[in-house]
Protein backbone atom coordinates (compact mmCIF):
# COMPACT_ATOMS: atom_id res chain seq x y z
CA UNK A 1 -181.44 -142.44 7.02
CA UNK A 2 -178.24 -144.40 6.35
CA UNK A 3 -176.29 -143.00 3.40
CA UNK A 4 -175.59 -145.18 0.37
CA UNK A 5 -171.83 -145.59 -0.01
CA UNK A 6 -169.98 -146.37 -3.24
CA UNK A 7 -166.30 -147.27 -3.31
CA UNK A 8 -164.77 -146.26 -6.66
CA UNK A 9 -161.54 -148.00 -7.67
CA UNK A 10 -159.99 -146.98 -11.01
CA UNK A 11 -157.56 -149.64 -12.23
CA UNK A 12 -155.03 -150.19 -14.96
CA UNK A 13 -152.96 -153.39 -14.78
CA UNK A 14 -153.41 -153.91 -11.03
CA UNK A 15 -153.76 -157.71 -11.00
CA UNK A 16 -151.39 -158.00 -8.03
CA UNK A 17 -153.41 -155.72 -5.76
CA UNK A 18 -157.01 -155.28 -6.89
CA UNK A 19 -158.46 -158.35 -5.16
CA UNK A 20 -156.89 -157.40 -1.84
CA UNK A 21 -158.11 -153.81 -2.15
CA UNK A 22 -161.67 -154.97 -2.85
CA UNK A 23 -161.59 -157.48 0.02
CA UNK A 24 -160.25 -154.92 2.51
CA UNK A 25 -162.89 -152.34 1.65
CA UNK A 26 -165.56 -155.04 1.78
CA UNK A 27 -164.41 -155.91 5.30
CA UNK A 28 -164.37 -152.32 6.58
CA UNK A 29 -167.40 -151.07 4.62
CA UNK A 30 -169.70 -154.11 4.36
CA UNK A 31 -172.67 -151.92 3.43
CA UNK A 32 -170.90 -150.27 0.48
CA UNK A 33 -171.14 -151.01 -3.23
CA UNK A 34 -167.63 -151.58 -4.56
CA UNK A 35 -166.96 -150.67 -8.18
CA UNK A 36 -163.79 -151.45 -10.11
CA UNK A 37 -163.49 -149.53 -13.36
CA UNK A 38 -160.92 -151.14 -15.60
CA UNK A 39 -159.01 -148.83 -17.93
CA UNK A 40 -158.14 -151.23 -20.78
CA UNK A 41 -155.88 -153.43 -18.67
CA UNK A 42 -153.82 -156.09 -20.43
CA UNK A 43 -153.42 -158.38 -17.40
CA UNK A 44 -155.85 -160.23 -15.10
CA UNK A 45 -157.22 -157.14 -13.33
CA UNK A 46 -160.81 -157.72 -14.50
CA UNK A 47 -160.87 -161.41 -13.64
CA UNK A 48 -159.43 -160.92 -10.16
CA UNK A 49 -161.75 -157.99 -9.40
CA UNK A 50 -164.76 -160.10 -10.35
CA UNK A 51 -163.46 -163.00 -8.28
CA UNK A 52 -163.33 -160.62 -5.31
CA UNK A 53 -167.05 -159.84 -5.88
CA UNK A 54 -166.57 -156.27 -7.09
CA UNK A 55 -168.92 -154.68 -9.63
CA UNK A 56 -166.63 -154.44 -12.65
CA UNK A 57 -167.09 -151.97 -15.49
CA UNK A 58 -164.73 -150.63 -18.13
CA UNK A 59 -163.62 -147.34 -19.65
CA UNK A 60 -161.69 -147.80 -22.92
CA UNK A 61 -160.28 -144.24 -23.10
CA UNK A 62 -156.88 -144.53 -21.45
CA UNK A 63 -156.27 -142.13 -18.55
CA UNK A 64 -157.36 -141.83 -14.93
CA UNK A 65 -159.29 -138.65 -15.67
CA UNK A 66 -161.48 -140.46 -18.19
CA UNK A 67 -162.16 -143.22 -15.67
CA UNK A 68 -163.11 -140.82 -12.86
CA UNK A 69 -165.35 -138.87 -15.25
CA UNK A 70 -167.16 -142.08 -16.21
CA UNK A 71 -167.53 -143.24 -12.60
CA UNK A 72 -168.95 -139.91 -11.46
CA UNK A 73 -171.47 -139.98 -14.32
CA UNK A 74 -172.56 -143.61 -13.94
CA UNK A 75 -172.79 -144.27 -10.22
CA UNK A 76 -175.54 -143.04 -7.92
CA UNK A 77 -174.79 -142.86 -4.20
CA UNK A 78 -174.78 -140.48 -1.26
CA UNK A 79 -171.12 -140.88 -0.32
CA UNK A 80 -168.31 -141.68 -2.76
CA UNK A 81 -164.98 -143.17 -1.71
CA UNK A 82 -162.40 -142.70 -4.46
CA UNK A 83 -159.25 -144.76 -3.95
CA UNK A 84 -156.43 -146.08 -6.12
CA UNK A 85 -156.32 -149.80 -6.77
CA UNK A 86 -152.61 -150.19 -5.99
CA UNK A 87 -152.98 -151.25 -2.35
CA UNK A 88 -151.06 -148.29 -0.91
CA UNK A 89 -154.01 -146.77 1.00
CA UNK A 90 -155.59 -148.30 4.10
CA UNK A 91 -159.21 -149.37 3.86
CA UNK A 92 -159.33 -149.22 7.66
CA UNK A 93 -159.32 -145.41 7.46
CA UNK A 94 -162.47 -145.27 5.32
CA UNK A 95 -165.07 -145.39 8.15
CA UNK A 96 -163.41 -142.43 9.90
CA UNK A 97 -163.22 -140.44 6.66
CA UNK A 98 -166.90 -141.12 5.96
CA UNK A 99 -167.90 -140.30 9.53
CA UNK A 100 -166.16 -136.92 9.27
CA UNK A 101 -167.92 -136.18 5.97
CA UNK A 102 -171.38 -137.13 7.28
CA UNK A 103 -171.26 -135.79 10.82
CA UNK A 104 -169.69 -132.44 9.89
CA UNK A 105 -171.75 -132.00 6.68
CA UNK A 106 -168.63 -131.78 4.52
CA UNK A 107 -168.37 -132.22 0.76
CA UNK A 108 -164.80 -133.49 0.54
CA UNK A 109 -162.49 -135.27 2.98
CA UNK A 110 -159.01 -135.85 1.58
CA UNK A 111 -156.57 -138.39 3.01
CA UNK A 112 -153.15 -136.97 3.87
CA UNK A 113 -150.53 -139.62 3.27
CA UNK A 114 -148.39 -140.62 6.26
CA UNK A 115 -145.79 -142.91 4.72
CA UNK A 116 -144.67 -146.02 6.54
CA UNK A 117 -141.28 -146.19 4.79
CA UNK A 118 -139.07 -144.24 2.39
CA UNK A 119 -139.93 -146.70 -0.40
CA UNK A 120 -143.65 -146.06 0.04
CA UNK A 121 -143.37 -142.41 -0.94
CA UNK A 122 -140.43 -141.86 -3.28
CA UNK A 123 -138.38 -138.70 -2.89
CA UNK A 124 -139.20 -137.42 -6.38
CA UNK A 125 -142.93 -137.89 -5.84
CA UNK A 126 -142.75 -136.33 -2.38
CA UNK A 127 -140.93 -133.23 -3.65
CA UNK A 128 -143.23 -132.91 -6.67
CA UNK A 129 -146.32 -133.13 -4.49
CA UNK A 130 -144.90 -130.54 -2.08
CA UNK A 131 -144.01 -128.16 -4.91
CA UNK A 132 -147.34 -128.47 -6.71
CA UNK A 133 -149.33 -128.22 -3.47
CA UNK A 134 -147.47 -125.02 -2.54
CA UNK A 135 -148.07 -123.59 -6.02
CA UNK A 136 -151.81 -124.30 -5.91
CA UNK A 137 -151.97 -122.87 -2.37
CA UNK A 138 -150.42 -119.61 -3.58
CA UNK A 139 -152.73 -119.35 -6.59
CA UNK A 140 -156.05 -120.67 -5.30
CA UNK A 141 -155.90 -120.85 -1.50
CA UNK A 142 -154.14 -122.84 1.20
CA UNK A 143 -156.57 -125.52 2.38
CA UNK A 144 -154.82 -128.71 1.26
CA UNK A 145 -151.48 -130.13 2.40
CA UNK A 146 -151.52 -133.20 0.10
CA UNK A 147 -153.06 -132.08 -3.17
CA UNK A 148 -152.27 -135.24 -5.15
CA UNK A 149 -153.72 -137.77 -2.72
CA UNK A 150 -155.59 -140.55 -4.51
CA UNK A 151 -157.83 -141.31 -1.51
CA UNK A 152 -160.83 -139.02 -1.09
CA UNK A 153 -164.36 -139.22 0.29
CA UNK A 154 -166.90 -136.98 -1.42
CA UNK A 155 -170.55 -136.07 -1.11
CA UNK A 156 -173.09 -136.64 -3.86
CA UNK A 157 -173.49 -132.87 -4.16
CA UNK A 158 -169.78 -132.44 -4.92
CA UNK A 159 -169.50 -135.37 -7.34
CA UNK A 160 -172.58 -134.54 -9.39
CA UNK A 161 -171.64 -130.87 -9.77
CA UNK A 162 -167.96 -131.45 -10.60
CA UNK A 163 -167.19 -130.69 -14.30
CA UNK A 164 -164.44 -133.26 -14.82
CA UNK A 165 -162.36 -132.41 -17.90
CA UNK A 166 -158.91 -133.90 -17.24
CA UNK A 167 -157.67 -137.00 -19.03
CA UNK A 168 -154.92 -138.35 -16.77
CA UNK A 169 -153.38 -137.91 -13.33
CA UNK A 170 -154.25 -134.21 -13.48
CA UNK A 171 -157.69 -135.18 -12.17
CA UNK A 172 -156.50 -134.75 -8.55
CA UNK A 173 -155.41 -131.20 -9.34
CA UNK A 174 -158.75 -130.48 -10.97
CA UNK A 175 -160.65 -131.87 -7.95
CA UNK A 176 -158.57 -129.74 -5.60
CA UNK A 177 -158.89 -126.49 -7.55
CA UNK A 178 -162.64 -127.00 -8.00
CA UNK A 179 -163.07 -127.45 -4.24
CA UNK A 180 -160.97 -124.34 -3.55
CA UNK A 181 -162.76 -122.24 -6.13
CA UNK A 182 -166.22 -123.24 -4.89
CA UNK A 183 -165.13 -122.76 -1.25
CA UNK A 184 -167.02 -125.87 -0.24
CA UNK A 185 -166.62 -127.38 3.26
CA UNK A 186 -163.61 -129.69 3.24
CA UNK A 187 -161.26 -131.43 5.67
CA UNK A 188 -158.07 -133.48 5.64
CA UNK A 189 -157.46 -136.67 7.56
CA UNK A 190 -154.06 -138.36 8.07
CA UNK A 191 -153.95 -141.97 6.86
CA UNK A 192 -151.15 -144.54 6.57
CA UNK A 193 -149.52 -144.90 3.16
CA UNK A 194 -147.73 -148.13 2.26
CA UNK A 195 -145.36 -149.18 -0.47
CA UNK A 196 -146.66 -151.21 -3.37
CA UNK A 197 -146.44 -154.98 -3.01
CA UNK A 198 -143.90 -156.97 -5.00
CA UNK A 199 -144.81 -157.27 -8.67
CA UNK A 200 -146.83 -154.06 -8.71
CA UNK A 201 -145.48 -151.04 -10.60
CA UNK A 202 -146.50 -147.39 -10.32
CA UNK A 203 -148.13 -145.85 -13.40
CA UNK A 204 -147.09 -142.33 -12.33
CA UNK A 205 -144.13 -140.85 -14.23
CA UNK A 206 -142.53 -138.18 -12.07
CA UNK A 207 -141.29 -135.84 -14.82
CA UNK A 208 -143.87 -136.25 -17.59
CA UNK A 209 -146.89 -136.34 -15.29
CA UNK A 210 -145.44 -133.46 -13.26
CA UNK A 211 -145.20 -131.37 -16.44
CA UNK A 212 -148.79 -132.25 -17.34
CA UNK A 213 -149.97 -131.23 -13.88
CA UNK A 214 -148.08 -127.93 -14.18
CA UNK A 215 -149.80 -127.31 -17.52
CA UNK A 216 -153.14 -128.09 -15.89
CA UNK A 217 -152.46 -125.58 -13.10
CA UNK A 218 -151.56 -122.91 -15.68
CA UNK A 219 -154.72 -123.71 -17.67
CA UNK A 220 -156.90 -123.58 -14.55
CA UNK A 221 -155.30 -120.27 -13.55
CA UNK A 222 -156.18 -118.82 -16.96
CA UNK A 223 -159.73 -120.21 -16.81
CA UNK A 224 -160.57 -119.59 -13.15
CA UNK A 225 -158.51 -116.47 -12.36
CA UNK A 226 -158.19 -114.72 -15.72
CA UNK A 227 -157.48 -111.27 -14.31
CA UNK A 228 -154.49 -112.59 -12.36
CA UNK A 229 -153.25 -114.49 -15.44
CA UNK A 230 -153.72 -111.76 -18.05
CA UNK A 231 -152.80 -109.04 -15.56
CA UNK A 232 -149.43 -110.73 -15.05
CA UNK A 233 -148.93 -110.99 -18.81
CA UNK A 234 -149.86 -107.32 -19.12
CA UNK A 235 -147.39 -106.34 -16.42
CA UNK A 236 -144.54 -108.25 -18.07
CA UNK A 237 -145.26 -106.69 -21.46
CA UNK A 238 -145.54 -103.20 -19.97
CA UNK A 239 -142.26 -103.62 -18.10
CA UNK A 240 -140.51 -104.77 -21.26
CA UNK A 241 -141.97 -101.82 -23.16
CA UNK A 242 -140.67 -99.41 -20.52
CA UNK A 243 -137.19 -100.94 -20.62
CA UNK A 244 -137.09 -100.49 -24.40
CA UNK A 245 -138.98 -97.21 -24.64
CA UNK A 246 -137.58 -95.03 -21.84
CA UNK A 247 -134.15 -94.54 -23.51
CA UNK A 248 -135.90 -93.65 -26.79
CA UNK A 249 -138.14 -91.09 -25.07
CA UNK A 250 -135.17 -89.68 -23.14
CA UNK A 251 -133.24 -89.26 -26.41
CA UNK A 252 -136.24 -87.56 -28.03
CA UNK A 253 -136.62 -85.13 -25.11
CA UNK A 254 -132.93 -84.30 -25.22
CA UNK A 255 -132.43 -83.94 -28.99
CA UNK A 256 -135.89 -83.93 -30.57
CA UNK A 257 -134.89 -86.94 -32.69
CA UNK A 258 -135.93 -90.62 -32.74
CA UNK A 259 -132.79 -92.38 -33.96
CA UNK A 260 -134.03 -95.88 -33.03
CA UNK A 261 -137.37 -96.01 -34.80
CA UNK A 262 -137.71 -99.85 -34.76
CA UNK A 263 -137.23 -99.86 -30.99
CA UNK A 264 -139.84 -97.14 -30.59
CA UNK A 265 -142.31 -99.09 -32.74
CA UNK A 266 -141.64 -102.27 -30.77
CA UNK A 267 -142.15 -100.51 -27.43
CA UNK A 268 -145.41 -98.98 -28.70
CA UNK A 269 -146.61 -102.41 -29.86
CA UNK A 270 -145.78 -103.94 -26.49
CA UNK A 271 -147.75 -101.24 -24.65
CA UNK A 272 -150.73 -101.86 -26.93
CA UNK A 273 -150.52 -105.61 -26.26
CA UNK A 274 -150.22 -104.96 -22.52
CA UNK A 275 -153.34 -102.81 -22.62
CA UNK A 276 -155.26 -105.44 -24.61
CA UNK A 277 -154.19 -108.17 -22.18
CA UNK A 278 -155.37 -106.11 -19.21
CA UNK A 279 -158.74 -105.42 -20.83
CA UNK A 280 -159.12 -109.14 -21.70
CA UNK A 281 -158.42 -110.02 -18.09
CA UNK A 282 -161.07 -107.60 -16.82
CA UNK A 283 -163.70 -108.89 -19.27
CA UNK A 284 -162.92 -112.56 -18.67
CA UNK A 285 -162.99 -112.04 -14.91
CA UNK A 286 -166.62 -110.94 -15.25
CA UNK A 287 -167.38 -113.98 -17.41
CA UNK A 288 -165.66 -116.25 -14.91
CA UNK A 289 -167.71 -114.83 -12.06
CA UNK A 290 -170.86 -115.77 -13.99
CA UNK A 291 -169.50 -119.28 -14.52
CA UNK A 292 -168.76 -119.65 -10.81
CA UNK A 293 -172.27 -118.51 -9.97
CA UNK A 294 -173.66 -121.16 -12.33
CA UNK A 295 -171.44 -123.81 -10.78
CA UNK A 296 -172.67 -122.78 -7.37
CA UNK A 297 -176.30 -122.99 -8.45
CA UNK A 298 -175.70 -126.43 -9.99
CA UNK A 299 -174.03 -127.52 -6.76
CA UNK A 300 -176.99 -126.34 -4.68
CA UNK A 301 -179.46 -127.95 -7.09
CA UNK A 302 -178.20 -131.48 -6.33
CA UNK A 303 -180.59 -132.92 -3.72
CA UNK A 304 -179.25 -134.24 -0.43
CA UNK A 305 -180.80 -137.66 0.09
CA UNK A 306 -179.84 -138.00 3.74
CA UNK A 307 -179.23 -135.69 6.67
CA UNK A 308 -176.58 -136.12 9.37
CA UNK A 309 -177.95 -136.90 12.79
CA UNK A 310 -177.77 -133.94 15.18
CA UNK A 311 -175.07 -134.18 17.82
CA UNK A 312 -176.66 -133.86 21.26
CA UNK A 313 -173.47 -134.40 23.23
């Protein structure tokens, strides 16, 4: 059975590129349904997407995360190709990405950007992606080398069991961490990455969006690895309590007096908080394990509507 393929293109003010993106994916994936979800654009994005024969829908809540959430909820397919509408990713790579997903029974194939020029991948964005990818690798596992890629091919099972919660560009981080946490079968595939055409401007703000992504990573660490998060907090509080309390205890042992009572009270309070944080981490780790088990069951409950052909080579 041939899988149904849906190309998902979230767009905000991409009138200069959206028609070309739709046309290129139509040429390389003629069997696919191509959806453009407009995110309250103020230019001619909608008109040009319709003129290119895309299925155009809208999401009024501003933010890429809201758009992806809506697309995943609305669209039924077997294979989902999620790609930015800015014309920087090559549609010619899509058949190979899909073939890898189908033939190897994967749930996520992420495109690793190979830039064609320095202008295609700005230094600030490159460094931010490297830093955030390394941070996520240390916290959740090293299986991605380009965490913030906007070009991914996903299975129906992955899409329909993904609890999208992000509002903006943090959605790529959320997709990555979810895949790492669930330990689903994934792969990466190098693809060319081009600079935006003239008249097209990036919506990504290096500093502000980088800070939001960092906050998302911290939030996901607290939610998905609570013992590591609260255990670290507990360790810091305990260390601070020792630094403050050891001299007080030493003075008491030597003289039998507690001359710095406020310091002693503060150190005692810090130790109590450290103990509470550690206990919270242990309890929440058990809760999180139950949540992961439920996510896994939801993932397995999504029916597979096609099976890859066996390789007899």
